[in-house]
């Protein structure tokens, strides 16, 4: 990650800022994020695949007030 994701990070920050502004003026109830590899998984075949993404993006998503994240990739049902 270390700077190689600057275009994606800039897009995400811009999009989240737009949503926050839009949400305030249109009362949108949820902020959902979708991406491929989950940050957390207990599936041994995919252990830690999302670790770099988690370290880079989880603080941004928390700060933006994301309500839930939907991911794919791991074909095993889990919930917390």
Protein backbone atom coordinates (compact mmCIF):
# COMPACT_ATOMS: atom_id res chain seq x y z
CA UNK A 1 0.00 0.00 0.00
CA UNK A 2 2.52 2.65 1.18
CA UNK A 3 1.47 5.41 -1.21
CA UNK A 4 0.84 3.15 -4.20
CA UNK A 5 -2.86 3.49 -3.53
CA UNK A 6 -2.93 7.30 -3.58
CA UNK A 7 -5.38 7.50 -6.51
CA UNK A 8 -7.80 5.05 -4.89
CA UNK A 9 -7.41 6.75 -1.50
CA UNK A 10 -8.07 10.19 -3.01
CA UNK A 11 -11.19 8.87 -4.76
CA UNK A 12 -12.47 7.25 -1.55
CA UNK A 13 -11.92 10.37 0.54
CA UNK A 14 -13.65 12.50 -2.09
CA UNK A 15 -16.57 10.10 -2.42
CA UNK A 16 -17.04 9.83 1.34
CA UNK A 17 -16.94 13.62 1.68
CA UNK A 18 -19.58 13.93 -1.05
CA UNK A 19 -21.76 11.35 0.66
CA UNK A 20 -21.48 13.12 4.01
CA UNK A 21 -22.59 16.38 2.40
CA UNK A 22 -25.38 14.65 0.47
CA UNK A 23 -26.52 12.69 3.52
CA UNK A 24 -26.88 15.83 5.59
CA UNK A 25 -29.11 17.44 3.00
CA UNK A 26 -31.15 14.36 1.99
CA UNK A 27 -31.39 12.28 5.19
CA UNK A 28 -29.90 9.07 3.78
CA UNK A 29 -30.11 6.48 6.57
CA UNK A 30 -27.16 4.18 5.74
CA UNK A 31 -23.63 4.36 4.44
CA UNK A 32 -22.62 1.01 2.93
CA UNK A 33 -19.28 0.07 1.39
CA UNK A 34 -18.67 -2.87 -0.94
CA UNK A 35 -15.34 -4.41 -1.87
CA UNK A 36 -13.91 -7.79 -2.72
CA UNK A 37 -11.58 -9.17 -0.05
CA UNK A 38 -12.80 -8.99 3.58
CA UNK A 39 -10.69 -7.25 6.21
CA UNK A 40 -11.39 -10.05 8.68
CA UNK A 41 -11.92 -13.76 8.07
CA UNK A 42 -11.35 -16.87 10.13
CA UNK A 43 -11.18 -18.98 6.95
CA UNK A 44 -7.66 -20.46 7.00
CA UNK A 45 -7.38 -20.48 3.21
CA UNK A 46 -7.77 -16.69 3.11
CA UNK A 47 -6.19 -15.70 6.40
CA UNK A 48 -4.79 -12.15 6.37
CA UNK A 49 -5.50 -11.49 2.66
CA UNK A 50 -7.15 -8.18 3.51
CA UNK A 51 -4.66 -7.10 6.17
CA UNK A 52 -2.94 -4.36 4.13
CA UNK A 53 -6.28 -2.99 3.01
CA UNK A 54 -7.59 -3.09 6.57
CA UNK A 55 -4.61 -1.14 7.89
CA UNK A 56 -4.90 1.45 5.12
CA UNK A 57 -8.66 1.91 4.89
CA UNK A 58 -10.39 0.84 8.09
CA UNK A 59 -9.56 4.10 9.94
CA UNK A 60 -10.96 6.10 6.99
CA UNK A 61 -14.18 4.07 6.94
CA UNK A 62 -14.64 4.39 10.71
CA UNK A 63 -14.06 8.13 10.57
CA UNK A 64 -16.64 8.46 7.79
CA UNK A 65 -19.24 6.64 9.87
CA UNK A 66 -19.70 3.67 7.54
CA UNK A 67 -22.63 1.59 8.83
CA UNK A 68 -21.78 -1.72 7.20
CA UNK A 69 -19.45 -3.36 4.69
CA UNK A 70 -20.32 -6.11 2.23
CA UNK A 71 -17.50 -8.23 0.85
CA UNK A 72 -17.11 -11.31 -1.28
CA UNK A 73 -14.11 -13.50 -2.12
CA UNK A 74 -14.36 -15.90 0.84
CA UNK A 75 -17.06 -18.46 0.15
CA UNK A 76 -17.85 -19.10 3.81
CA UNK A 77 -20.61 -17.44 5.80
CA UNK A 78 -19.50 -15.52 8.89
CA UNK A 79 -21.02 -12.80 11.02
CA UNK A 80 -20.31 -11.01 14.26
